Amino acid sequence: MSGVNRPLSRMRKLETKEALFRTRKRILKYLVLGFLKQEGYLNTADTFASEAALTDEYTLCDNIDLDIILQDYCSYYLIRFNKQPQFCRKVDEQPVRRPQTRKTRQEVVVEKVDPEPDLPGTFTVTKLLKDNLLANAEAPISALERKPIAGYLSGISQEKKQIVELLYQDIIRPSGVSWDDVKGLTAAKSILMESVVYPVRFPEVFTGLLEPWRAVLLHGPPGTGKTMLARAVAGESGCTFFNITCSTVVNKWRGESEKIVKVLFDMASYYAPSIIFVDEAESLAAARGAGEHEASRRLRAQLLADVDGVVRRDGVVFLLVTSNIPWEIDSAMLRRLEKRIYIPLPDFKTRVELFKSFLSSKSIELVPNVDFEELSAKTEGYSGSDVKLVCKEALMANVRKKFPNMGGKGQPNRKDKLSLSDILTAIERTKPISKNLARKHEEWQKEMGST
């Protein structure tokens, strides 16, 4: 009986292996079909489905596509071999001959197979990938594209994985804001360039004592462009940008806030070069007081230790914080904020540029003899946000006149006409809120600033 059972067992193994092979081929076909439809090659997808005899019996599962599988494989290959895999080569190049390490498919290879055929856990997919992974230094590939999150999650505990998924949602992509969109603030731009952009482009220069600045504070009255500068840094530097708020870091459970801060800086190091942006820094690093809660002290202590602690992290991790009341920030945190830059109210020339920027739209027609310098002279003490509100109020006043005659539908291609009197009326109705705060920020900058 044993002699009869042995061929039957071998036949079952071969049938199981053949079923697994057919399942793998079917998965590959449906992955390719889904990728073609996702990229918009509908005619090609129909032709491929017809030639491959694909039916509606199977469909791809949620969150499964060829691009994600390729990223996971690249991450695995980079971790194992410390280099990116090469999927294609130019036709005129000679292939690199490697010693044969595996037998051909025609020969039967005996291996352990699960008795129940199921979908394979992992499989290799190839894709035509251009040689832009290591080339094109002018537009480098971001760390988010080079390092999928799966590579970081593979080496941490289950408890930290939930924190990583939470922080991953706070990573923002370049917003399209450039330095030219920020009017004025030349000194702040230059310091941010030497703090973030230049260390990424010329890492060989910023070594030893000349290491990059670790943290920068932007302080000034509300509406002066601090957040706009942060958006410009995110768009111009090419760094991974973490937009951190209190709702992300502060947690009601004991010890969770400190873990979130630690994982945040570890993720920033993994995705380096990276920027951690914290708006309203006094909410997370307020000055010590007698009635302070223990959770606030622990959170601040963890933040201080990660900004400037014993552990040195790889890559450039830059902390960018903003504040409207910097005198309420803890002194130990101020010491770690190596550059403390005052973002003042826009001067006369900057306000002229702001009015030109806001009122130069194609949908706005200015009545002749609108003098931007006159508008700038009448808005002394206005912030950039206040100037924007003035322009918005002037346009809204013009639209209010048209509401009774608009009928049921609006006019999508309308052109609003603005006169000097409309804008002057809007200036009278819009009062600045930051004018009285400028002097206090100037005094604090003279005492505590570092530019």
Foldseek 3Di string as FASTA:
>chain_A
DVVVVVVVVVVLVVVLVVVLVVLVVVVVLQQVLVVCVVVPVVVVSVVSCVVVVPDPPDHDDPPDHDLVLQQVVQQVCCVVVVDGDDQDDDPPDDDDDDDDDDDDPVDDDDDDDDSDRDHDPHDDDGDDDDPLQPDDPVQHDFLCSNHPVVSVVVPDDPVCVVLVVLQVVQWDAQPPQAPVNQFDPPVVVVLLCQQAQVCVSCVVVCDDPNPHQAEAEEEEAPQQCQVVVVSNCRNPRSATEGEDECVSQDDPDPPRSLSSLVVVLVVCLSRPPYEYEYEACCVQAFADDDPDDPRSVSSNVSNLCSSDHDDDGDHHYHYYYYHHCVVGGYPSVLVSNQAYDYRYADDLVRQLVLCCVLQVDPQEAEDPPQDSSVVSVLQPQAHSVLSNQLSVQLQVVQVVVCVVVCPPDHDPSHHGYGYNVSSVVSSVVGDHDRNVVRVVSVVCCVVRGHD
